[in-house]
Amino acid sequence: MSNWCVEYWKVDKRPEGSHAQMREQLKYVKPKFEDISRRYFSDYLSATRYANSLFDSGNYHTNIVKG
C-alpha cells in the first residue's frame, strides 16, 4: 500500500476591476516551506478528490506527491 501526500498553500487573490474585465494572469510563486500544509491519504483517488476540491475553491494551489 502506498501513501499519497497532498501539499497545499494559500494563494492571495488581487481584486481588480469587475468580473467582466480580464485579469492579469497569475504567475507561479514558489511557497516557503513553512507555508505548505500537508495531508496524507492511503489511495490516489482520495488524494486527487481532496486536491481538486481545494484547487476549485480558488484559494489554494495543490501538489500531489507519492511517498
N, C-alpha and C. Protein backbone atom coordinates (compact mmCIF):
# COMPACT_ATOMS: atom_id res chain seq x y z
N MET A 1 0.85 -1.18 0.00
CA MET A 1 0.00 0.00 0.00
C MET A 1 0.90 1.24 0.00
N SER A 2 0.61 2.17 -0.89
CA SER A 2 1.41 3.39 -0.96
C SER A 2 0.65 4.56 -0.36
N ASN A 3 1.38 5.51 0.14
CA ASN A 3 0.78 6.70 0.71
C ASN A 3 0.92 7.85 -0.26
N TRP A 4 -0.06 8.73 -0.24
CA TRP A 4 -0.07 9.91 -1.10
C TRP A 4 -0.20 11.15 -0.21
N CYS A 5 0.57 12.16 -0.53
CA CYS A 5 0.58 13.40 0.24
C CYS A 5 0.07 14.54 -0.64
N VAL A 6 -0.92 15.25 -0.13
CA VAL A 6 -1.40 16.45 -0.81
C VAL A 6 -0.77 17.64 -0.11
N GLU A 7 0.04 18.39 -0.86
CA GLU A 7 0.62 19.62 -0.35
C GLU A 7 -0.22 20.77 -0.88
N TYR A 8 -0.56 21.70 -0.02
CA TYR A 8 -1.38 22.83 -0.47
C TYR A 8 -0.96 24.10 0.27
N TRP A 9 -1.11 25.20 -0.43
CA TRP A 9 -0.75 26.50 0.14
C TRP A 9 -1.71 27.55 -0.38
N LYS A 10 -1.93 28.56 0.45
CA LYS A 10 -2.88 29.62 0.16
C LYS A 10 -2.33 30.54 -0.92
N VAL A 11 -3.23 30.96 -1.81
CA VAL A 11 -2.88 31.89 -2.88
C VAL A 11 -3.69 33.16 -2.67
N ASP A 12 -3.01 34.28 -2.59
CA ASP A 12 -3.71 35.55 -2.40
C ASP A 12 -4.31 36.01 -3.72
N LYS A 13 -5.57 36.44 -3.64
CA LYS A 13 -6.24 36.98 -4.82
C LYS A 13 -6.11 38.49 -4.80
N ARG A 14 -6.02 39.04 -5.99
CA ARG A 14 -5.98 40.50 -6.11
C ARG A 14 -7.28 40.96 -6.75
N PRO A 15 -8.18 41.57 -5.98
CA PRO A 15 -9.44 42.03 -6.58
C PRO A 15 -9.19 43.28 -7.44
N GLU A 16 -9.31 43.11 -8.74
CA GLU A 16 -9.10 44.22 -9.66
C GLU A 16 -10.25 44.25 -10.65
N GLY A 17 -10.86 45.40 -10.81
CA GLY A 17 -11.90 45.57 -11.80
C GLY A 17 -13.16 44.76 -11.49
N SER A 18 -14.02 44.68 -12.49
CA SER A 18 -15.25 43.92 -12.33
C SER A 18 -15.04 42.49 -12.80
N HIS A 19 -16.07 41.66 -12.63
CA HIS A 19 -15.96 40.26 -13.03
C HIS A 19 -15.85 40.10 -14.54
N ALA A 20 -16.29 41.10 -15.30
CA ALA A 20 -16.26 41.01 -16.76
C ALA A 20 -14.92 41.44 -17.35
N GLN A 21 -14.09 42.07 -16.56
CA GLN A 21 -12.80 42.53 -17.08
C GLN A 21 -11.77 41.42 -16.99
N MET A 22 -10.90 41.38 -17.95
CA MET A 22 -9.83 40.38 -17.98
C MET A 22 -8.80 40.71 -16.91
N ARG A 23 -8.45 39.73 -16.11
CA ARG A 23 -7.42 39.93 -15.10
C ARG A 23 -6.07 39.52 -15.65
N GLU A 24 -5.05 40.07 -15.06
CA GLU A 24 -3.69 39.66 -15.42
C GLU A 24 -3.50 38.22 -14.99
N GLN A 25 -2.83 37.43 -15.82
CA GLN A 25 -2.57 36.05 -15.48
C GLN A 25 -1.66 35.97 -14.26
N LEU A 26 -2.03 35.12 -13.32
CA LEU A 26 -1.20 34.95 -12.12
C LEU A 26 0.05 34.17 -12.46
N LYS A 27 1.13 34.56 -11.89
CA LYS A 27 2.39 33.86 -12.08
C LYS A 27 2.63 32.94 -10.89
N TYR A 28 3.24 31.80 -11.15
CA TYR A 28 3.53 30.85 -10.09
C TYR A 28 4.63 31.39 -9.19
N VAL A 29 4.34 31.42 -7.92
CA VAL A 29 5.33 31.85 -6.93
C VAL A 29 5.56 30.67 -6.00
N LYS A 30 6.79 30.19 -5.95
CA LYS A 30 7.10 29.04 -5.10
C LYS A 30 6.91 29.43 -3.64
N PRO A 31 6.10 28.65 -2.89
CA PRO A 31 5.85 28.99 -1.49
C PRO A 31 7.04 28.64 -0.60
N LYS A 32 7.10 29.30 0.53
CA LYS A 32 8.11 28.95 1.53
C LYS A 32 7.73 27.61 2.14
N PHE A 33 8.71 26.87 2.58
CA PHE A 33 8.49 25.53 3.13
C PHE A 33 7.50 25.57 4.30
N GLU A 34 7.61 26.58 5.15
CA GLU A 34 6.74 26.64 6.33
C GLU A 34 5.30 27.04 5.99
N ASP A 35 5.05 27.53 4.76
CA ASP A 35 3.70 27.91 4.36
C ASP A 35 2.93 26.75 3.72
N ILE A 36 3.60 25.63 3.49
CA ILE A 36 2.96 24.48 2.84
C ILE A 36 2.33 23.58 3.90
N SER A 37 1.03 23.31 3.72
CA SER A 37 0.33 22.36 4.60
C SER A 37 0.29 21.02 3.89
N ARG A 38 0.18 19.95 4.66
CA ARG A 38 0.19 18.62 4.08
C ARG A 38 -0.92 17.76 4.70
N ARG A 39 -1.47 16.88 3.86
CA ARG A 39 -2.44 15.90 4.33
C ARG A 39 -2.16 14.60 3.60
N TYR A 40 -2.20 13.50 4.32
CA TYR A 40 -1.83 12.20 3.77
C TYR A 40 -3.07 11.33 3.53
N PHE A 41 -3.00 10.55 2.45
CA PHE A 41 -4.09 9.64 2.06
C PHE A 41 -3.51 8.28 1.71
N SER A 42 -4.32 7.24 1.86
CA SER A 42 -3.84 5.89 1.57
C SER A 42 -4.04 5.52 0.10
N ASP A 43 -4.90 6.24 -0.63
CA ASP A 43 -5.09 5.94 -2.05
C ASP A 43 -5.11 7.22 -2.88
N TYR A 44 -4.73 7.06 -4.14
CA TYR A 44 -4.57 8.19 -5.06
C TYR A 44 -5.90 8.89 -5.35
N LEU A 45 -6.97 8.13 -5.48
CA LEU A 45 -8.27 8.71 -5.80
C LEU A 45 -8.73 9.69 -4.72
N SER A 46 -8.58 9.33 -3.46
CA SER A 46 -8.96 10.23 -2.36
C SER A 46 -8.08 11.48 -2.36
N ALA A 47 -6.81 11.29 -2.63
CA ALA A 47 -5.89 12.42 -2.66
C ALA A 47 -6.26 13.40 -3.78
N THR A 48 -6.58 12.89 -4.96
CA THR A 48 -6.94 13.78 -6.06
C THR A 48 -8.27 14.48 -5.81
N ARG A 49 -9.22 13.80 -5.21
CA ARG A 49 -10.50 14.45 -4.88
C ARG A 49 -10.28 15.62 -3.92
N TYR A 50 -9.48 15.39 -2.91
CA TYR A 50 -9.20 16.43 -1.93
C TYR A 50 -8.44 17.59 -2.57
N ALA A 51 -7.43 17.29 -3.39
CA ALA A 51 -6.65 18.33 -4.05
C ALA A 51 -7.52 19.14 -5.01
N ASN A 52 -8.38 18.48 -5.75
CA ASN A 52 -9.26 19.19 -6.68
C ASN A 52 -10.25 20.08 -5.95
N SER A 53 -10.77 19.62 -4.82
CA SER A 53 -11.73 20.44 -4.08
C SER A 53 -11.05 21.71 -3.53
N LEU A 54 -9.81 21.58 -3.08
CA LEU A 54 -9.08 22.76 -2.61
C LEU A 54 -8.78 23.72 -3.76
N PHE A 55 -8.32 23.16 -4.88
CA PHE A 55 -7.97 23.99 -6.02
C PHE A 55 -9.21 24.68 -6.60
N ASP A 56 -10.33 23.96 -6.67
CA ASP A 56 -11.56 24.52 -7.22
C ASP A 56 -12.14 25.64 -6.36
N SER A 57 -11.79 25.67 -5.09
CA SER A 57 -12.27 26.75 -4.22
C SER A 57 -11.64 28.08 -4.63
N GLY A 58 -10.53 28.01 -5.35
CA GLY A 58 -9.88 29.22 -5.84
C GLY A 58 -8.93 29.86 -4.85
N ASN A 59 -8.76 29.26 -3.69
CA ASN A 59 -7.92 29.86 -2.66
C ASN A 59 -6.59 29.15 -2.47
N TYR A 60 -6.43 27.97 -3.09
CA TYR A 60 -5.23 27.17 -2.84
C TYR A 60 -4.64 26.62 -4.12
N HIS A 61 -3.34 26.46 -4.14
CA HIS A 61 -2.63 25.67 -5.14
C HIS A 61 -2.29 24.35 -4.47
N THR A 62 -2.28 23.28 -5.25
CA THR A 62 -2.05 21.95 -4.68
C THR A 62 -0.99 21.19 -5.46
N ASN A 63 -0.43 20.20 -4.81
CA ASN A 63 0.55 19.31 -5.41
C ASN A 63 0.39 17.95 -4.75
N ILE A 64 0.33 16.88 -5.57
CA ILE A 64 0.20 15.53 -5.03
C ILE A 64 1.54 14.83 -5.18
N VAL A 65 2.01 14.25 -4.08
CA VAL A 65 3.31 13.60 -4.05
C VAL A 65 3.14 12.17 -3.54
N LYS A 66 3.79 11.22 -4.22
CA LYS A 66 3.77 9.85 -3.75
C LYS A 66 4.90 9.68 -2.74
N GLY A 67 4.57 9.10 -1.61
CA GLY A 67 5.65 8.92 -0.64
C GLY A 67 5.28 8.27 0.60
